[in-house]
Amino acid sequence: MNSVGEGCTELKREYDQCFNRWFAEKFLKGDRSADPCSELFHKYHTCVQKAIKEKDIPIEGVEFMGPNREKADS
């Protein structure tokens, strides 16, 4: 799946690959050490934020998930 910003698609692909590899090779085997993909996520997140602003996509009231963020209780 492509990213919201055309220029962000490659960053998304790199992050997805990193995360999937970490998840399968470490997390699912009990290694709960830090996510090595945080830097890639930050770069991708920054790119997406820029694309959202450039495309004037309204995001008020939308909650986002990401590393180190807990899901709000319903």
Protein backbone atom coordinates (compact mmCIF):
# COMPACT_ATOMS: atom_id res chain seq x y z
CA MET A 1 0.00 0.00 0.00
CA ASN A 2 1.29 3.45 -0.87
CA SER A 3 1.62 6.23 1.64
CA VAL A 4 -0.54 9.36 1.80
CA GLY A 5 2.43 11.26 0.40
CA GLU A 6 4.01 9.98 -2.79
CA GLY A 7 7.44 10.92 -1.46
CA CYS A 8 6.80 8.90 1.70
CA THR A 9 6.10 5.55 0.06
CA GLU A 10 9.73 4.39 0.07
CA LEU A 11 10.10 5.37 3.76
CA LYS A 12 6.93 3.42 4.52
CA ARG A 13 8.28 0.37 2.73
CA GLU A 14 11.58 0.56 4.63
CA TYR A 15 9.82 0.95 7.97
CA ASP A 16 7.37 -1.87 7.23
CA GLN A 17 10.23 -4.23 6.32
CA CYS A 18 12.19 -3.30 9.44
CA PHE A 19 9.19 -3.67 11.73
CA ASN A 20 8.04 -6.97 10.23
CA ARG A 21 11.56 -8.42 10.51
CA TRP A 22 11.89 -7.26 14.16
CA PHE A 23 8.42 -8.51 15.03
CA ALA A 24 8.94 -11.97 13.53
CA GLU A 25 12.58 -12.50 14.47
CA LYS A 26 12.66 -10.89 17.91
CA PHE A 27 9.34 -9.95 19.47
CA LEU A 28 7.47 -13.18 18.73
CA LYS A 29 10.42 -15.15 20.12
CA GLY A 30 10.25 -13.33 23.45
CA ASP A 31 12.87 -10.64 22.87
CA ARG A 32 11.12 -7.51 24.13
CA SER A 33 14.13 -5.25 23.67
CA ALA A 34 13.70 -1.84 22.10
CA ASP A 35 12.25 -1.56 18.61
CA PRO A 36 15.25 -0.94 16.27
CA CYS A 37 12.94 0.74 13.75
CA SER A 38 12.09 3.84 15.78
CA GLU A 39 14.32 6.13 13.72
CA LEU A 40 12.73 4.93 10.47
CA PHE A 41 9.29 5.41 11.99
CA HIS A 42 10.15 8.97 13.00
CA LYS A 43 11.36 9.81 9.46
CA TYR A 44 8.22 8.29 7.93
CA HIS A 45 5.94 10.02 10.45
CA THR A 46 7.57 13.40 9.70
CA CYS A 47 7.12 12.83 5.96
CA VAL A 48 3.45 11.92 6.40
CA GLN A 49 2.79 14.97 8.56
CA LYS A 50 4.31 17.19 5.86
CA ALA A 51 2.23 15.50 3.14
CA ILE A 52 -0.97 15.93 5.18
CA LYS A 53 -0.26 19.65 5.55
CA GLU A 54 0.60 20.05 1.86
CA LYS A 55 -2.60 18.28 0.80
CA ASP A 56 -4.62 20.20 3.39
CA ILE A 57 -6.14 17.00 4.78
CA PRO A 58 -8.23 17.76 7.89
CA ILE A 59 -7.11 15.63 10.83
CA GLU A 60 -8.61 17.48 13.78
CA GLY A 61 -9.98 15.04 16.35
CA VAL A 62 -8.16 12.05 14.87
CA GLU A 63 -6.06 10.03 17.31
CA PHE A 64 -2.89 8.38 16.08
CA MET A 65 -1.04 5.33 17.31
CA GLY A 66 2.69 4.86 17.11
CA PRO A 67 5.69 3.71 19.09
CA ASN A 68 5.45 4.46 22.81
CA ARG A 69 1.81 5.48 22.63
CA GLU A 70 -0.84 3.60 24.51
CA LYS A 71 -4.31 3.00 23.16
CA ALA A 72 -6.87 5.17 24.91
CA ASP A 73 -9.39 3.36 27.08
CA SER A 74 -12.87 3.24 25.58
